[in-house]
Amino acid sequence: HLQRSLELLRTDHIDLWQMHVLINPADWET
């Protein structure tokens, strides 16, 4: 996903990369 974001945004770095909607306990454990 990060590689795709970098390509679409036409940049070599992201200032802030975030884990999105991390509220499900099972997802959190993974």
All heavy atoms as atom14 arrays in JSON, in Angstrom:
{
  "sequence": "HLQRSLELLRTDHIDLWQMHVLINPADWET",
  "atom14_mask": [
    [1, 1, 1, 1, 1, 1, 1, 1, 1, 1, 0, 0, 0, 0],
    [1, 1, 1, 1, 1, 1, 1, 1, 0, 0, 0, 0, 0, 0],
    [1, 1, 1, 1, 1, 1, 1, 1, 1, 0, 0, 0, 0, 0],
    [1, 1, 1, 1, 1, 1, 1, 1, 1, 1, 1, 0, 0, 0],
    [1, 1, 1, 1, 1, 1, 0, 0, 0, 0, 0, 0, 0, 0],
    [1, 1, 1, 1, 1, 1, 1, 1, 0, 0, 0, 0, 0, 0],
    [1, 1, 1, 1, 1, 1, 1, 1, 1, 0, 0, 0, 0, 0],
    [1, 1, 1, 1, 1, 1, 1, 1, 0, 0, 0, 0, 0, 0],
    [1, 1, 1, 1, 1, 1, 1, 1, 0, 0, 0, 0, 0, 0],
    [1, 1, 1, 1, 1, 1, 1, 1, 1, 1, 1, 0, 0, 0],
    [1, 1, 1, 1, 1, 1, 1, 0, 0, 0, 0, 0, 0, 0],
    [1, 1, 1, 1, 1, 1, 1, 1, 0, 0, 0, 0, 0, 0],
    [1, 1, 1, 1, 1, 1, 1, 1, 1, 1, 0, 0, 0, 0],
    [1, 1, 1, 1, 1, 1, 1, 1, 0, 0, 0, 0, 0, 0],
    [1, 1, 1, 1, 1, 1, 1, 1, 0, 0, 0, 0, 0, 0],
    [1, 1, 1, 1, 1, 1, 1, 1, 0, 0, 0, 0, 0, 0],
    [1, 1, 1, 1, 1, 1, 1, 1, 1, 1, 1, 1, 1, 1],
    [1, 1, 1, 1, 1, 1, 1, 1, 1, 0, 0, 0, 0, 0],
    [1, 1, 1, 1, 1, 1, 1, 1, 0, 0, 0, 0, 0, 0],
    [1, 1, 1, 1, 1, 1, 1, 1, 1, 1, 0, 0, 0, 0],
    [1, 1, 1, 1, 1, 1, 1, 0, 0, 0, 0, 0, 0, 0],
    [1, 1, 1, 1, 1, 1, 1, 1, 0, 0, 0, 0, 0, 0],
    [1, 1, 1, 1, 1, 1, 1, 1, 0, 0, 0, 0, 0, 0],
    [1, 1, 1, 1, 1, 1, 1, 1, 0, 0, 0, 0, 0, 0],
    [1, 1, 1, 1, 1, 1, 1, 0, 0, 0, 0, 0, 0, 0],
    [1, 1, 1, 1, 1, 0, 0, 0, 0, 0, 0, 0, 0, 0],
    [1, 1, 1, 1, 1, 1, 1, 1, 0, 0, 0, 0, 0, 0],
    [1, 1, 1, 1, 1, 1, 1, 1, 1, 1, 1, 1, 1, 1],
    [1, 1, 1, 1, 1, 1, 1, 1, 1, 0, 0, 0, 0, 0],
    [1, 1, 1, 1, 1, 1, 1, 0, 0, 0, 0, 0, 0, 0]
  ],
  "atom14_positions": [
    [[0.82, -1.21, 0.0], [0.0, 0.0, 0.0], [0.86, 1.26, 0.0], [0.55, 2.23, -0.69], [-0.92, 0.01, 1.22], [-2.34, -0.32, 0.9], [-3.37, -0.07, 1.77], [-2.91, -0.86, -0.21], [-4.52, -0.46, 1.21], [-4.25, -0.95, 0.02], [0.0, 0.0, 0.0], [0.0, 0.0, 0.0], [0.0, 0.0, 0.0], [0.0, 0.0, 0.0]],
    [[1.93, 1.25, 0.78], [2.79, 2.42, 0.83], [3.42, 2.69, -0.53], [3.47, 3.84, -0.98], [3.88, 2.24, 1.87], [4.88, 3.4, 1.98], [4.17, 4.71, 2.31], [5.96, 3.1, 3.01], [0.0, 0.0, 0.0], [0.0, 0.0, 0.0], [0.0, 0.0, 0.0], [0.0, 0.0, 0.0], [0.0, 0.0, 0.0], [0.0, 0.0, 0.0]],
    [[3.88, 1.65, -1.18], [4.47, 1.82, -2.51], [3.46, 2.39, -3.49], [3.78, 3.28, -4.29], [5.02, 0.49, -3.02], [5.81, 0.6, -4.32], [6.98, 1.57, -4.22], [7.72, 1.54, -3.25], [7.12, 2.45, -5.21], [0.0, 0.0, 0.0], [0.0, 0.0, 0.0], [0.0, 0.0, 0.0], [0.0, 0.0, 0.0], [0.0, 0.0, 0.0]],
    [[2.23, 1.9, -3.41], [1.18, 2.41, -4.29], [0.91, 3.89, -3.99], [0.76, 4.71, -4.9], [-0.09, 1.59, -4.11], [-1.31, 2.13, -4.87], [-2.5, 1.2, -4.74], [-3.71, 1.82, -5.24], [-4.05, 1.93, -6.52], [-3.2, 1.48, -7.45], [-5.18, 2.49, -6.88], [0.0, 0.0, 0.0], [0.0, 0.0, 0.0], [0.0, 0.0, 0.0]],
    [[0.85, 4.24, -2.71], [0.61, 5.64, -2.33], [1.72, 6.54, -2.85], [1.44, 7.64, -3.37], [0.49, 5.76, -0.81], [-0.67, 5.12, -0.33], [0.0, 0.0, 0.0], [0.0, 0.0, 0.0], [0.0, 0.0, 0.0], [0.0, 0.0, 0.0], [0.0, 0.0, 0.0], [0.0, 0.0, 0.0], [0.0, 0.0, 0.0], [0.0, 0.0, 0.0]],
    [[2.95, 6.13, -2.71], [4.07, 6.94, -3.18], [3.98, 7.17, -4.69], [4.23, 8.27, -5.18], [5.4, 6.25, -2.83], [5.75, 6.2, -1.34], [6.94, 5.28, -1.11], [6.04, 7.6, -0.81], [0.0, 0.0, 0.0], [0.0, 0.0, 0.0], [0.0, 0.0, 0.0], [0.0, 0.0, 0.0], [0.0, 0.0, 0.0], [0.0, 0.0, 0.0]],
    [[3.61, 6.13, -5.41], [3.51, 6.25, -6.87], [2.36, 7.18, -7.26], [2.52, 8.06, -8.11], [3.29, 4.87, -7.49], [4.51, 3.95, -7.38], [4.22, 2.55, -7.82], [3.04, 2.25, -8.19], [5.14, 1.71, -7.78], [0.0, 0.0, 0.0], [0.0, 0.0, 0.0], [0.0, 0.0, 0.0], [0.0, 0.0, 0.0], [0.0, 0.0, 0.0]],
    [[1.2, 7.01, -6.64], [0.05, 7.83, -6.99], [0.26, 9.29, -6.59], [-0.15, 10.21, -7.32], [-1.21, 7.29, -6.31], [-1.76, 5.96, -6.84], [-2.88, 5.46, -5.94], [-2.25, 6.1, -8.27], [0.0, 0.0, 0.0], [0.0, 0.0, 0.0], [0.0, 0.0, 0.0], [0.0, 0.0, 0.0], [0.0, 0.0, 0.0], [0.0, 0.0, 0.0]],
    [[0.9, 9.51, -5.45], [1.13, 10.86, -4.96], [2.35, 11.52, -5.59], [2.62, 12.7, -5.33], [1.26, 10.84, -3.43], [-0.03, 10.54, -2.67], [0.25, 10.18, -1.22], [-1.0, 11.72, -2.75], [0.0, 0.0, 0.0], [0.0, 0.0, 0.0], [0.0, 0.0, 0.0], [0.0, 0.0, 0.0], [0.0, 0.0, 0.0], [0.0, 0.0, 0.0]],
    [[3.1, 10.77, -6.37], [4.26, 11.29, -7.1], [5.29, 11.92, -6.17], [5.74, 13.04, -6.35], [3.81, 12.3, -8.17], [2.79, 11.76, -9.16], [2.57, 12.73, -10.3], [1.42, 12.36, -11.11], [1.02, 13.01, -12.2], [1.7, 14.1, -12.59], [-0.04, 12.63, -12.88], [0.0, 0.0, 0.0], [0.0, 0.0, 0.0], [0.0, 0.0, 0.0]],
    [[5.64, 11.16, -5.15], [6.62, 11.63, -4.18], [7.49, 10.47, -3.73], [7.11, 9.31, -3.89], [5.92, 12.27, -2.96], [6.9, 12.79, -2.07], [5.06, 11.26, -2.22], [0.0, 0.0, 0.0], [0.0, 0.0, 0.0], [0.0, 0.0, 0.0], [0.0, 0.0, 0.0], [0.0, 0.0, 0.0], [0.0, 0.0, 0.0], [0.0, 0.0, 0.0]],
    [[8.65, 10.8, -3.16], [9.54, 9.75, -2.69], [9.42, 9.5, -1.19], [10.09, 8.64, -0.64], [11.0, 10.06, -3.05], [11.5, 11.35, -2.4], [10.71, 12.02, -1.69], [12.69, 11.69, -2.6], [0.0, 0.0, 0.0], [0.0, 0.0, 0.0], [0.0, 0.0, 0.0], [0.0, 0.0, 0.0], [0.0, 0.0, 0.0], [0.0, 0.0, 0.0]],
    [[8.54, 10.26, -0.53], [8.34, 10.03, 0.9], [7.0, 10.62, 1.36], [6.49, 11.55, 0.76], [9.47, 10.63, 1.74], [9.41, 12.12, 1.83], [9.83, 12.96, 0.82], [8.95, 12.95, 2.83], [9.66, 14.21, 1.17], [9.12, 14.24, 2.38], [0.0, 0.0, 0.0], [0.0, 0.0, 0.0], [0.0, 0.0, 0.0], [0.0, 0.0, 0.0]],
    [[6.48, 10.05, 2.42], [5.27, 10.54, 3.09], [5.71, 11.19, 4.4], [6.59, 10.67, 5.09], [4.3, 9.37, 3.39], [3.91, 8.64, 2.11], [3.07, 9.87, 4.13], [3.19, 9.47, 1.1], [0.0, 0.0, 0.0], [0.0, 0.0, 0.0], [0.0, 0.0, 0.0], [0.0, 0.0, 0.0], [0.0, 0.0, 0.0], [0.0, 0.0, 0.0]],
    [[5.12, 12.31, 4.74], [5.46, 12.93, 6.02], [4.85, 12.18, 7.19], [5.47, 12.05, 8.25], [5.01, 14.4, 6.03], [5.81, 15.24, 5.04], [7.04, 15.24, 5.12], [5.18, 15.87, 4.16], [0.0, 0.0, 0.0], [0.0, 0.0, 0.0], [0.0, 0.0, 0.0], [0.0, 0.0, 0.0], [0.0, 0.0, 0.0], [0.0, 0.0, 0.0]],
    [[3.62, 11.69, 7.02], [2.94, 10.96, 8.09], [2.19, 9.79, 7.49], [1.29, 9.97, 6.67], [1.97, 11.89, 8.83], [1.1, 11.24, 9.91], [1.94, 10.71, 11.06], [0.04, 12.24, 10.42], [0.0, 0.0, 0.0], [0.0, 0.0, 0.0], [0.0, 0.0, 0.0], [0.0, 0.0, 0.0], [0.0, 0.0, 0.0], [0.0, 0.0, 0.0]],
    [[2.56, 8.59, 7.91], [1.87, 7.37, 7.46], [1.1, 6.82, 8.65], [1.65, 6.69, 9.75], [2.88, 6.35, 6.95], [2.27, 5.2, 6.2], [1.1, 5.21, 5.5], [2.81, 3.89, 6.07], [0.87, 3.98, 4.91], [1.91, 3.15, 5.25], [3.96, 3.26, 6.53], [2.13, 1.82, 4.91], [4.2, 1.94, 6.2], [3.3, 1.23, 5.39]],
    [[-0.19, 6.51, 8.43], [-1.07, 6.16, 9.54], [-1.75, 4.81, 9.37], [-2.19, 4.47, 8.26], [-2.14, 7.25, 9.7], [-1.55, 8.63, 9.95], [-2.55, 9.73, 9.59], [-3.19, 10.29, 10.45], [-2.67, 10.04, 8.3], [0.0, 0.0, 0.0], [0.0, 0.0, 0.0], [0.0, 0.0, 0.0], [0.0, 0.0, 0.0], [0.0, 0.0, 0.0]],
    [[-1.87, 4.08, 10.46], [-2.71, 2.88, 10.49], [-4.14, 3.37, 10.6], [-4.51, 4.02, 11.58], [-2.36, 2.0, 11.69], [-0.99, 1.37, 11.62], [-0.8, 0.12, 12.92], [0.93, -0.26, 12.76], [0.0, 0.0, 0.0], [0.0, 0.0, 0.0], [0.0, 0.0, 0.0], [0.0, 0.0, 0.0], [0.0, 0.0, 0.0], [0.0, 0.0, 0.0]],
    [[-4.95, 3.05, 9.6], [-6.27, 3.65, 9.46], [-7.36, 2.8, 10.12], [-7.41, 1.59, 9.96], [-6.58, 3.82, 7.97], [-7.71, 4.75, 7.68], [-8.1, 5.74, 8.54], [-8.55, 4.85, 6.6], [-9.11, 6.42, 8.0], [-9.4, 5.89, 6.85], [0.0, 0.0, 0.0], [0.0, 0.0, 0.0], [0.0, 0.0, 0.0], [0.0, 0.0, 0.0]],
    [[-8.23, 3.47, 10.89], [-9.4, 2.85, 11.55], [-8.98, 1.6, 12.33], [-9.58, 0.54, 12.21], [-10.5, 2.5, 10.53], [-11.84, 2.33, 11.25], [-10.64, 3.54, 9.44], [0.0, 0.0, 0.0], [0.0, 0.0, 0.0], [0.0, 0.0, 0.0], [0.0, 0.0, 0.0], [0.0, 0.0, 0.0], [0.0, 0.0, 0.0], [0.0, 0.0, 0.0]],
    [[-7.96, 1.75, 13.15], [-7.47, 0.61, 13.93], [-8.23, 0.55, 15.25], [-7.75, 0.99, 16.3], [-5.96, 0.74, 14.17], [-5.29, -0.5, 14.76], [-5.46, -1.7, 13.81], [-3.83, -0.25, 15.05], [0.0, 0.0, 0.0], [0.0, 0.0, 0.0], [0.0, 0.0, 0.0], [0.0, 0.0, 0.0], [0.0, 0.0, 0.0], [0.0, 0.0, 0.0]],
    [[-9.43, -0.03, 15.21], [-10.28, -0.1, 16.4], [-10.77, -1.52, 16.69], [-11.24, -1.78, 17.79], [-11.51, 0.83, 16.25], [-12.27, 0.5, 14.98], [-11.09, 2.3, 16.28], [-13.6, 1.2, 14.87], [0.0, 0.0, 0.0], [0.0, 0.0, 0.0], [0.0, 0.0, 0.0], [0.0, 0.0, 0.0], [0.0, 0.0, 0.0], [0.0, 0.0, 0.0]],
    [[-10.66, -2.42, 15.72], [-11.09, -3.8, 15.92], [-10.0, -4.57, 16.66], [-8.85, -4.59, 16.21], [-11.39, -4.45, 14.57], [-11.84, -5.89, 14.7], [-11.03, -6.77, 14.93], [-13.13, -6.11, 14.55], [0.0, 0.0, 0.0], [0.0, 0.0, 0.0], [0.0, 0.0, 0.0], [0.0, 0.0, 0.0], [0.0, 0.0, 0.0], [0.0, 0.0, 0.0]],
    [[-10.32, -5.2, 17.79], [-9.28, -5.9, 18.56], [-8.51, -6.95, 17.77], [-7.29, -7.09, 17.93], [-10.07, -6.53, 19.71], [-11.25, -5.63, 19.89], [-11.61, -5.18, 18.49], [0.0, 0.0, 0.0], [0.0, 0.0, 0.0], [0.0, 0.0, 0.0], [0.0, 0.0, 0.0], [0.0, 0.0, 0.0], [0.0, 0.0, 0.0], [0.0, 0.0, 0.0]],
    [[-9.2, -7.69, 16.91], [-8.51, -8.71, 16.12], [-7.55, -8.07, 15.12], [-6.41, -8.53, 14.94], [-9.54, -9.58, 15.39], [0.0, 0.0, 0.0], [0.0, 0.0, 0.0], [0.0, 0.0, 0.0], [0.0, 0.0, 0.0], [0.0, 0.0, 0.0], [0.0, 0.0, 0.0], [0.0, 0.0, 0.0], [0.0, 0.0, 0.0], [0.0, 0.0, 0.0]],
    [[-8.0, -7.0, 14.47], [-7.12, -6.27, 13.56], [-5.91, -5.71, 14.31], [-4.79, -5.7, 13.79], [-7.88, -5.11, 12.91], [-8.85, -5.57, 11.84], [-8.82, -6.76, 11.49], [-9.65, -4.74, 11.37], [0.0, 0.0, 0.0], [0.0, 0.0, 0.0], [0.0, 0.0, 0.0], [0.0, 0.0, 0.0], [0.0, 0.0, 0.0], [0.0, 0.0, 0.0]],
    [[-6.17, -5.2, 15.51], [-5.11, -4.63, 16.34], [-4.04, -5.69, 16.64], [-2.84, -5.42, 16.52], [-5.71, -4.09, 17.62], [-4.8, -3.22, 18.44], [-4.69, -1.87, 18.39], [-3.89, -3.67, 19.45], [-3.75, -1.44, 19.31], [-3.25, -2.52, 19.97], [-3.55, -4.92, 19.96], [-2.29, -2.6, 20.98], [-2.59, -4.99, 20.97], [-1.99, -3.85, 21.47]],
    [[-4.47, -6.87, 17.02], [-3.52, -7.94, 17.32], [-2.71, -8.32, 16.08], [-1.49, -8.56, 16.18], [-4.26, -9.17, 17.85], [-4.92, -8.98, 19.21], [-3.92, -8.81, 20.35], [-2.73, -9.09, 20.15], [-4.35, -8.37, 21.43], [0.0, 0.0, 0.0], [0.0, 0.0, 0.0], [0.0, 0.0, 0.0], [0.0, 0.0, 0.0], [0.0, 0.0, 0.0]],
    [[-3.35, -8.35, 14.93], [-2.62, -8.66, 13.69], [-1.6, -7.58, 13.37], [-0.44, -7.87, 13.06], [-3.6, -8.81, 12.52], [-4.52, -9.87, 12.8], [-2.86, -9.11, 11.22], [0.0, 0.0, 0.0], [0.0, 0.0, 0.0], [0.0, 0.0, 0.0], [0.0, 0.0, 0.0], [0.0, 0.0, 0.0], [0.0, 0.0, 0.0], [0.0, 0.0, 0.0]]
  ]
}
